[in-house]
Amino acid sequence: MELPRRKRARKNQYDKELYPQGILDIIEADYPDRYVNLSDDLETLFSEEEWIDILTKSRLSHEQLIKLKKQGKRNIK
């Protein structure tokens, strides 16, 4: 049985709040055309500025999770 659309949307939002974005999540969202073509040689796919942007977004996502955890708003282990 499939959940109603509204309930699924809430669960997806909760998952986004619960788990910080990883580097590959950010690459998939910001550079979908390159994400498909990822290979072992990641460093040549993006410029230095793009890597800094990717790493900064990932770090901010982790910082937000840490703040929520410290405030006790989420029961995160």
C-alpha atoms as a PDB file:
ATOM      1  CA  MET A   1       0.000   0.000   0.000  1.00  0.00           C
ATOM      2  CA  GLU A   2       1.429   3.332  -1.004  1.00  0.00           C
ATOM      3  CA  LEU A   3       1.421   6.286   1.379  1.00  0.00           C
ATOM      4  CA  PRO A   4      -0.503   9.380   0.367  1.00  0.00           C
ATOM      5  CA  ARG A   5       1.659  11.966  -1.355  1.00  0.00           C
ATOM      6  CA  ARG A   6       1.528  14.376   1.606  1.00  0.00           C
ATOM      7  CA  LYS A   7       2.837  11.776   4.066  1.00  0.00           C
ATOM      8  CA  ARG A   8       5.675  10.816   1.737  1.00  0.00           C
ATOM      9  CA  ALA A   9       6.654  14.466   1.366  1.00  0.00           C
ATOM     10  CA  ARG A  10       6.871  14.868   5.141  1.00  0.00           C
ATOM     11  CA  LYS A  11       9.066  11.794   5.456  1.00  0.00           C
ATOM     12  CA  ASN A  12      11.391  13.049   2.726  1.00  0.00           C
ATOM     13  CA  GLN A  13      11.659  16.442   4.450  1.00  0.00           C
ATOM     14  CA  TYR A  14      12.470  14.698   7.745  1.00  0.00           C
ATOM     15  CA  ASP A  15      15.182  12.662   6.021  1.00  0.00           C
ATOM     16  CA  LYS A  16      16.710  15.853   4.619  1.00  0.00           C
ATOM     17  CA  GLU A  17      16.806  17.384   8.095  1.00  0.00           C
ATOM     18  CA  LEU A  18      18.150  14.216   9.690  1.00  0.00           C
ATOM     19  CA  TYR A  19      21.043  13.568   7.334  1.00  0.00           C
ATOM     20  CA  PRO A  20      23.493  16.254   6.243  1.00  0.00           C
ATOM     21  CA  GLN A  21      24.342  16.538   2.576  1.00  0.00           C
ATOM     22  CA  GLY A  22      27.428  14.702   1.487  1.00  0.00           C
ATOM     23  CA  ILE A  23      29.740  15.855  -1.256  1.00  0.00           C
ATOM     24  CA  LEU A  24      28.186  13.516  -3.812  1.00  0.00           C
ATOM     25  CA  ASP A  25      24.691  14.704  -2.862  1.00  0.00           C
ATOM     26  CA  ILE A  26      25.716  18.272  -3.638  1.00  0.00           C
ATOM     27  CA  ILE A  27      27.390  17.275  -6.904  1.00  0.00           C
ATOM     28  CA  GLU A  28      24.245  15.382  -7.910  1.00  0.00           C
ATOM     29  CA  ALA A  29      22.043  18.413  -7.147  1.00  0.00           C
ATOM     30  CA  ASP A  30      24.259  21.152  -8.594  1.00  0.00           C
ATOM     31  CA  TYR A  31      25.948  19.308 -11.478  1.00  0.00           C
ATOM     32  CA  PRO A  32      23.584  16.503 -12.577  1.00  0.00           C
ATOM     33  CA  ASP A  33      25.168  16.206 -16.019  1.00  0.00           C
ATOM     34  CA  ARG A  34      28.606  15.574 -14.514  1.00  0.00           C
ATOM     35  CA  TYR A  35      27.318  13.358 -11.707  1.00  0.00           C
ATOM     36  CA  VAL A  36      26.258  10.764 -14.254  1.00  0.00           C
ATOM     37  CA  ASN A  37      29.776  10.672 -15.672  1.00  0.00           C
ATOM     38  CA  LEU A  38      31.676  10.412 -12.402  1.00  0.00           C
ATOM     39  CA  SER A  39      34.807   8.354 -12.650  1.00  0.00           C
ATOM     40  CA  ASP A  40      37.774   7.577 -10.451  1.00  0.00           C
ATOM     41  CA  ASP A  41      39.365  10.884 -11.420  1.00  0.00           C
ATOM     42  CA  LEU A  42      37.063  13.302  -9.568  1.00  0.00           C
ATOM     43  CA  GLU A  43      39.569  16.108  -9.243  1.00  0.00           C
ATOM     44  CA  THR A  44      39.588  16.858 -12.975  1.00  0.00           C
ATOM     45  CA  LEU A  45      35.806  17.140 -13.263  1.00  0.00           C
ATOM     46  CA  PHE A  46      35.557  20.417 -11.336  1.00  0.00           C
ATOM     47  CA  SER A  47      37.561  23.607 -11.116  1.00  0.00           C
ATOM     48  CA  GLU A  48      39.131  24.703  -7.823  1.00  0.00           C
ATOM     49  CA  GLU A  49      36.319  27.214  -7.301  1.00  0.00           C
ATOM     50  CA  GLU A  50      33.682  24.534  -7.877  1.00  0.00           C
ATOM     51  CA  TRP A  51      35.381  22.199  -5.376  1.00  0.00           C
ATOM     52  CA  ILE A  52      35.452  24.972  -2.775  1.00  0.00           C
ATOM     53  CA  ASP A  53      31.742  25.602  -3.363  1.00  0.00           C
ATOM     54  CA  ILE A  54      30.936  21.875  -3.075  1.00  0.00           C
ATOM     55  CA  LEU A  55      32.949  21.448   0.128  1.00  0.00           C
ATOM     56  CA  THR A  56      31.489  24.613   1.661  1.00  0.00           C
ATOM     57  CA  LYS A  57      27.914  23.444   1.034  1.00  0.00           C
ATOM     58  CA  SER A  58      28.676  20.043   2.528  1.00  0.00           C
ATOM     59  CA  ARG A  59      30.261  21.611   5.607  1.00  0.00           C
ATOM     60  CA  LEU A  60      27.299  23.953   6.139  1.00  0.00           C
ATOM     61  CA  SER A  61      24.941  20.996   5.935  1.00  0.00           C
ATOM     62  CA  HIS A  62      26.915  19.156   8.630  1.00  0.00           C
ATOM     63  CA  GLU A  63      27.074  22.281  10.818  1.00  0.00           C
ATOM     64  CA  GLN A  64      23.281  22.607  10.695  1.00  0.00           C
ATOM     65  CA  LEU A  65      22.902  19.001  11.861  1.00  0.00           C
ATOM     66  CA  ILE A  66      25.328  19.584  14.741  1.00  0.00           C
ATOM     67  CA  LYS A  67      23.380  22.679  15.838  1.00  0.00           C
ATOM     68  CA  LEU A  68      20.106  20.727  15.820  1.00  0.00           C
ATOM     69  CA  LYS A  69      21.714  17.940  17.801  1.00  0.00           C
ATOM     70  CA  LYS A  70      23.116  20.358  20.401  1.00  0.00           C
ATOM     71  CA  GLN A  71      19.727  22.062  20.761  1.00  0.00           C
ATOM     72  CA  GLY A  72      18.091  18.684  21.326  1.00  0.00           C
ATOM     73  CA  LYS A  73      15.607  19.250  18.508  1.00  0.00           C
ATOM     74  CA  ARG A  74      16.343  15.867  16.977  1.00  0.00           C
ATOM     75  CA  ASN A  75      16.991  12.559  18.641  1.00  0.00           C
ATOM     76  CA  ILE A  76      20.143  11.934  16.631  1.00  0.00           C
ATOM     77  CA  LYS A  77      22.869   9.518  17.614  1.00  0.00           C
END
